[in-house]
Every structure is written in structure tokens, then in C-alpha cells.
């Protein structure tokens, strides 16, 4: 195998690893954002020590979003 082929394989492998890392990082950030939205909604619902049906429905929707993303 020539040096150019070896360098080409190494560069391709590095690009593949970087692409995978950034894709996983983007997915992690989206999931974290969804979890933060749920926690914010939960905090708002518990502010007055009472969870209304509307707040419960909002919490349930946010929770389902966490599981789906």
C-alpha cells in the first residue's frame, strides 16, 4: 500500500469519527433541551403547590417529547 493510500484511509477514518461525534453531540443537545423544557414546565406547575389539569397535560406532552426524541 502506498503512502498516499494510507494517508487517504486515515483521513477518511478521522472525518468519519468527527462526523459521528458531531451528530451524537447534536442529538444530545436536543435531548437535553427537551429535558430542560420539561423541568421548566414542572417548576412552573409546582410554583403554587397545585398542579392544574392544564399544567398536567403540558407536563405529559413534554414528558412524551423526551421519550420520542
Protein backbone atom coordinates (compact mmCIF):
# COMPACT_ATOMS: atom_id res chain seq x y z
CA UNK A 1 0.00 0.00 0.00
CA UNK A 2 1.38 3.39 -0.92
CA UNK A 3 1.74 6.32 1.42
CA UNK A 4 -1.00 8.23 -0.39
CA UNK A 5 -3.45 5.35 0.08
CA UNK A 6 -2.56 5.10 3.76
CA UNK A 7 -2.99 8.84 4.30
CA UNK A 8 -6.29 8.73 2.42
CA UNK A 9 -7.59 5.92 4.62
CA UNK A 10 -6.52 7.72 7.80
CA UNK A 11 -8.12 10.99 6.72
CA UNK A 12 -11.35 9.20 5.79
CA UNK A 13 -11.42 7.49 9.18
CA UNK A 14 -10.83 10.77 11.02
CA UNK A 15 -13.60 12.51 9.08
CA UNK A 16 -15.96 9.61 9.82
CA UNK A 17 -15.21 9.74 13.55
CA UNK A 18 -15.68 13.52 13.65
CA UNK A 19 -18.96 13.33 11.75
CA UNK A 20 -20.27 10.69 14.15
CA UNK A 21 -19.17 12.72 17.17
CA UNK A 22 -20.87 15.91 16.00
CA UNK A 23 -24.05 14.05 15.08
CA UNK A 24 -24.23 12.45 18.52
CA UNK A 25 -23.44 15.80 20.15
CA UNK A 26 -26.31 17.46 18.28
CA UNK A 27 -28.69 14.70 19.38
CA UNK A 28 -27.51 15.06 22.98
CA UNK A 29 -28.08 18.83 22.90
CA UNK A 30 -31.61 18.36 21.54
CA UNK A 31 -32.46 15.79 24.20
CA UNK A 32 -31.02 18.00 26.94
CA UNK A 33 -33.06 20.96 25.68
CA UNK A 34 -36.23 18.84 25.77
CA UNK A 35 -35.47 17.72 29.33
CA UNK A 36 -34.85 21.32 30.36
CA UNK A 37 -38.21 22.36 28.90
CA UNK A 38 -39.88 19.61 30.96
CA UNK A 39 -38.13 20.71 34.15
CA UNK A 40 -39.08 24.36 33.49
CA UNK A 41 -42.71 23.33 32.97
CA UNK A 42 -42.63 21.23 36.14
CA UNK A 43 -41.12 24.11 38.11
CA UNK A 44 -43.85 26.45 36.86
CA UNK A 45 -46.54 23.91 37.74
CA UNK A 46 -45.23 23.45 41.28
CA UNK A 47 -44.81 27.17 41.90
CA UNK A 48 -48.16 27.45 43.70
CA UNK A 49 -48.10 23.90 45.16
CA UNK A 50 -51.02 22.92 42.93
CA UNK A 51 -50.91 21.20 39.56
CA UNK A 52 -53.90 22.06 37.41
CA UNK A 53 -55.21 19.81 34.65
CA UNK A 54 -53.77 22.18 32.06
CA UNK A 55 -50.35 22.06 33.74
CA UNK A 56 -50.59 18.27 33.99
CA UNK A 57 -51.37 18.00 30.28
CA UNK A 58 -48.43 20.29 29.44
CA UNK A 59 -46.15 18.16 31.63
CA UNK A 60 -47.36 14.97 29.98
CA UNK A 61 -46.71 16.40 26.50
CA UNK A 62 -43.20 17.49 27.50
CA UNK A 63 -42.53 14.06 29.02
CA UNK A 64 -43.67 12.31 25.83
CA UNK A 65 -41.37 14.60 23.85
CA UNK A 66 -38.43 13.42 25.97
CA UNK A 67 -39.21 9.80 25.14
CA UNK A 68 -39.75 10.46 21.43
CA UNK A 69 -36.64 12.47 20.64
